[in-house]
Amino acid sequence: MLKAYKYRIYPTNEQKEQIAKTFGCCRFLYNQMLNAKIAEYKKTGKMLRNTPAVYKKEYPFLKEVDSLALANVQLHLERAYRNF
């Protein structure tokens, strides 16, 4: 027998803003890292090993969100790129 639970959260306006920033930064970082990986593969034929820390220097707004969310972006992108 399988059970499931549904939860509804009611974030405050500050929390809503932080959630939106986090999702936006994750989406932005994923696209930037993917673009760099594709360009490197076309150039050398090898997979690029880039990290979110490289992009934090160039885009300081990435420092406002949780670093673990950005690290998960890197892991998900590498898994997807390898599977492709």
N, C-alpha and C. Protein backbone atom coordinates (compact mmCIF):
# COMPACT_ATOMS: atom_id res chain seq x y z
N MET A 1 0.84 -1.17 0.00
CA MET A 1 0.00 0.00 0.00
C MET A 1 0.89 1.25 0.00
N LEU A 2 0.63 2.14 -0.92
CA LEU A 2 1.40 3.37 -1.03
C LEU A 2 0.60 4.54 -0.47
N LYS A 3 1.29 5.41 0.21
CA LYS A 3 0.63 6.60 0.75
C LYS A 3 1.31 7.84 0.20
N ALA A 4 0.56 8.86 0.08
CA ALA A 4 1.10 10.14 -0.37
C ALA A 4 0.54 11.25 0.50
N TYR A 5 1.34 12.25 0.69
CA TYR A 5 0.92 13.41 1.46
C TYR A 5 1.06 14.65 0.59
N LYS A 6 0.11 15.52 0.68
CA LYS A 6 0.17 16.79 -0.01
C LYS A 6 0.34 17.89 1.03
N TYR A 7 1.22 18.80 0.75
CA TYR A 7 1.44 19.92 1.64
C TYR A 7 1.28 21.21 0.86
N ARG A 8 0.71 22.18 1.48
CA ARG A 8 0.61 23.50 0.88
C ARG A 8 1.34 24.47 1.78
N ILE A 9 2.17 25.28 1.18
CA ILE A 9 2.91 26.26 1.96
C ILE A 9 2.34 27.65 1.68
N TYR A 10 2.46 28.48 2.64
CA TYR A 10 2.00 29.86 2.53
C TYR A 10 3.19 30.78 2.84
N PRO A 11 4.05 31.00 1.85
CA PRO A 11 5.23 31.83 2.12
C PRO A 11 4.86 33.31 2.26
N THR A 12 5.70 33.99 3.02
CA THR A 12 5.53 35.44 3.14
C THR A 12 6.01 36.09 1.84
N ASN A 13 5.80 37.38 1.72
CA ASN A 13 6.24 38.07 0.51
C ASN A 13 7.76 38.01 0.33
N GLU A 14 8.50 38.09 1.43
CA GLU A 14 9.96 37.98 1.36
C GLU A 14 10.38 36.59 0.88
N GLN A 15 9.70 35.57 1.39
CA GLN A 15 10.01 34.21 0.98
C GLN A 15 9.66 33.98 -0.48
N LYS A 16 8.55 34.54 -0.93
CA LYS A 16 8.17 34.43 -2.34
C LYS A 16 9.23 35.05 -3.24
N GLU A 17 9.73 36.19 -2.81
CA GLU A 17 10.76 36.87 -3.59
C GLU A 17 12.04 36.04 -3.64
N GLN A 18 12.43 35.45 -2.51
CA GLN A 18 13.64 34.63 -2.47
C GLN A 18 13.48 33.36 -3.32
N ILE A 19 12.32 32.75 -3.29
CA ILE A 19 12.05 31.57 -4.11
C ILE A 19 12.14 31.93 -5.60
N ALA A 20 11.56 33.06 -5.97
CA ALA A 20 11.60 33.50 -7.37
C ALA A 20 13.03 33.78 -7.81
N LYS A 21 13.83 34.42 -6.93
CA LYS A 21 15.23 34.69 -7.25
C LYS A 21 16.01 33.39 -7.44
N THR A 22 15.75 32.43 -6.55
CA THR A 22 16.47 31.16 -6.62
C THR A 22 16.15 30.43 -7.91
N PHE A 23 14.87 30.33 -8.26
CA PHE A 23 14.49 29.66 -9.51
C PHE A 23 15.07 30.38 -10.72
N GLY A 24 15.01 31.70 -10.69
CA GLY A 24 15.54 32.49 -11.81
C GLY A 24 17.04 32.32 -11.98
N CYS A 25 17.77 32.34 -10.88
CA CYS A 25 19.22 32.17 -10.94
C CYS A 25 19.60 30.76 -11.37
N CYS A 26 18.85 29.77 -10.92
CA CYS A 26 19.12 28.39 -11.33
C CYS A 26 18.90 28.23 -12.83
N ARG A 27 17.83 28.79 -13.33
CA ARG A 27 17.54 28.71 -14.76
C ARG A 27 18.62 29.43 -15.57
N PHE A 28 19.01 30.63 -15.11
CA PHE A 28 20.05 31.40 -15.78
C PHE A 28 21.38 30.64 -15.79
N LEU A 29 21.77 30.10 -14.64
CA LEU A 29 23.03 29.39 -14.53
C LEU A 29 23.04 28.13 -15.39
N TYR A 30 21.95 27.41 -15.41
CA TYR A 30 21.86 26.20 -16.23
C TYR A 30 22.10 26.55 -17.70
N ASN A 31 21.44 27.59 -18.17
CA ASN A 31 21.59 27.98 -19.57
C ASN A 31 23.00 28.48 -19.88
N GLN A 32 23.61 29.23 -18.96
CA GLN A 32 24.97 29.72 -19.17
C GLN A 32 25.97 28.56 -19.20
N MET A 33 25.82 27.64 -18.26
CA MET A 33 26.75 26.51 -18.20
C MET A 33 26.57 25.59 -19.41
N LEU A 34 25.34 25.39 -19.84
CA LEU A 34 25.09 24.56 -21.01
C LEU A 34 25.68 25.21 -22.26
N ASN A 35 25.53 26.50 -22.40
CA ASN A 35 26.10 27.20 -23.54
C ASN A 35 27.62 27.06 -23.56
N ALA A 36 28.26 27.18 -22.41
CA ALA A 36 29.71 27.03 -22.33
C ALA A 36 30.14 25.60 -22.66
N LYS A 37 29.38 24.61 -22.19
CA LYS A 37 29.70 23.21 -22.48
C LYS A 37 29.59 22.92 -23.98
N ILE A 38 28.54 23.43 -24.59
CA ILE A 38 28.34 23.21 -26.03
C ILE A 38 29.46 23.86 -26.83
N ALA A 39 29.81 25.10 -26.47
CA ALA A 39 30.88 25.80 -27.18
C ALA A 39 32.22 25.07 -27.03
N GLU A 40 32.51 24.60 -25.83
CA GLU A 40 33.76 23.88 -25.60
C GLU A 40 33.79 22.56 -26.37
N TYR A 41 32.66 21.87 -26.41
CA TYR A 41 32.61 20.59 -27.13
C TYR A 41 32.80 20.80 -28.63
N LYS A 42 32.20 21.85 -29.16
CA LYS A 42 32.38 22.14 -30.60
C LYS A 42 33.83 22.53 -30.90
N LYS A 43 34.47 23.18 -29.95
CA LYS A 43 35.83 23.66 -30.15
C LYS A 43 36.86 22.54 -30.00
N THR A 44 36.74 21.73 -28.92
CA THR A 44 37.78 20.74 -28.62
C THR A 44 37.30 19.30 -28.69
N GLY A 45 36.00 19.08 -28.64
CA GLY A 45 35.48 17.71 -28.63
C GLY A 45 35.47 17.08 -27.26
N LYS A 46 35.77 17.84 -26.23
CA LYS A 46 35.79 17.32 -24.86
C LYS A 46 34.76 18.06 -24.01
N MET A 47 34.32 17.39 -22.92
CA MET A 47 33.34 18.00 -22.03
C MET A 47 34.01 18.97 -21.07
N LEU A 48 33.45 20.14 -20.94
CA LEU A 48 33.98 21.17 -20.05
C LEU A 48 33.52 20.90 -18.63
N ARG A 49 34.43 21.04 -17.67
CA ARG A 49 34.10 20.90 -16.24
C ARG A 49 34.06 22.29 -15.62
N ASN A 50 32.90 22.93 -15.67
CA ASN A 50 32.78 24.26 -15.08
C ASN A 50 31.94 24.19 -13.81
N THR A 51 32.15 25.18 -12.93
CA THR A 51 31.45 25.22 -11.65
C THR A 51 30.72 26.55 -11.51
N PRO A 52 29.74 26.61 -10.63
CA PRO A 52 29.02 27.87 -10.41
C PRO A 52 29.92 28.99 -9.88
N ALA A 53 31.01 28.66 -9.22
CA ALA A 53 31.90 29.68 -8.66
C ALA A 53 32.48 30.57 -9.75
N VAL A 54 32.72 30.01 -10.92
CA VAL A 54 33.25 30.79 -12.04
C VAL A 54 32.27 31.88 -12.45
N TYR A 55 31.00 31.56 -12.42
CA TYR A 55 29.98 32.50 -12.86
C TYR A 55 29.63 33.53 -11.79
N LYS A 56 29.90 33.22 -10.53
CA LYS A 56 29.61 34.17 -9.45
C LYS A 56 30.48 35.42 -9.56
N LYS A 57 31.69 35.26 -10.10
CA LYS A 57 32.57 36.41 -10.28
C LYS A 57 32.02 37.35 -11.35
N GLU A 58 31.51 36.75 -12.42
CA GLU A 58 31.01 37.54 -13.54
C GLU A 58 29.61 38.10 -13.29
N TYR A 59 28.78 37.32 -12.59
CA TYR A 59 27.40 37.71 -12.31
C TYR A 59 27.19 37.73 -10.79
N PRO A 60 27.40 38.86 -10.13
CA PRO A 60 27.33 38.92 -8.66
C PRO A 60 25.95 38.64 -8.08
N PHE A 61 24.89 38.74 -8.87
CA PHE A 61 23.56 38.45 -8.33
C PHE A 61 23.39 36.98 -7.99
N LEU A 62 24.27 36.12 -8.48
CA LEU A 62 24.20 34.69 -8.14
C LEU A 62 24.60 34.44 -6.68
N LYS A 63 25.26 35.41 -6.05
CA LYS A 63 25.66 35.27 -4.65
C LYS A 63 24.49 35.44 -3.70
N GLU A 64 23.38 35.97 -4.20
CA GLU A 64 22.22 36.23 -3.35
C GLU A 64 21.40 34.98 -3.04
N VAL A 65 21.60 33.91 -3.80
CA VAL A 65 20.80 32.70 -3.61
C VAL A 65 21.64 31.60 -2.96
N ASP A 66 20.97 30.54 -2.55
CA ASP A 66 21.62 29.43 -1.86
C ASP A 66 22.62 28.73 -2.77
N SER A 67 23.81 28.51 -2.27
CA SER A 67 24.86 27.88 -3.08
C SER A 67 24.54 26.41 -3.38
N LEU A 68 23.80 25.74 -2.50
CA LEU A 68 23.46 24.35 -2.76
C LEU A 68 22.49 24.21 -3.94
N ALA A 69 21.62 25.18 -4.12
CA ALA A 69 20.73 25.16 -5.28
C ALA A 69 21.54 25.27 -6.57
N LEU A 70 22.56 26.13 -6.55
CA LEU A 70 23.40 26.29 -7.73
C LEU A 70 24.29 25.06 -7.94
N ALA A 71 24.72 24.43 -6.87
CA ALA A 71 25.52 23.20 -7.00
C ALA A 71 24.68 22.08 -7.61
N ASN A 72 23.40 22.03 -7.24
CA ASN A 72 22.51 21.02 -7.82
C ASN A 72 22.30 21.26 -9.31
N VAL A 73 22.32 22.51 -9.73
CA VAL A 73 22.22 22.84 -11.15
C VAL A 73 23.40 22.20 -11.88
N GLN A 74 24.58 22.33 -11.32
CA GLN A 74 25.77 21.75 -11.94
C GLN A 74 25.64 20.22 -12.04
N LEU A 75 25.20 19.58 -10.98
CA LEU A 75 25.05 18.13 -10.99
C LEU A 75 24.02 17.67 -12.01
N HIS A 76 22.89 18.35 -12.06
CA HIS A 76 21.84 17.97 -13.01
C HIS A 76 22.29 18.19 -14.45
N LEU A 77 23.00 19.26 -14.69
CA LEU A 77 23.47 19.54 -16.04
C LEU A 77 24.50 18.51 -16.48
N GLU A 78 25.42 18.17 -15.61
CA GLU A 78 26.43 17.17 -15.98
C GLU A 78 25.80 15.81 -16.25
N ARG A 79 24.83 15.43 -15.45
CA ARG A 79 24.13 14.15 -15.67
C ARG A 79 23.39 14.17 -17.01
N ALA A 80 22.70 15.25 -17.28
CA ALA A 80 21.94 15.37 -18.54
C ALA A 80 22.90 15.39 -19.73
N TYR A 81 24.01 16.09 -19.60
CA TYR A 81 24.96 16.19 -20.70
C TYR A 81 25.62 14.84 -20.99
N ARG A 82 25.95 14.10 -19.94
CA ARG A 82 26.53 12.76 -20.13
C ARG A 82 25.53 11.80 -20.75
N ASN A 83 24.27 11.87 -20.31
CA ASN A 83 23.24 10.98 -20.85
C ASN A 83 22.94 11.29 -22.31
N PHE A 84 23.15 12.54 -22.72
CA PHE A 84 22.89 12.92 -24.11
C PHE A 84 23.92 12.27 -25.00
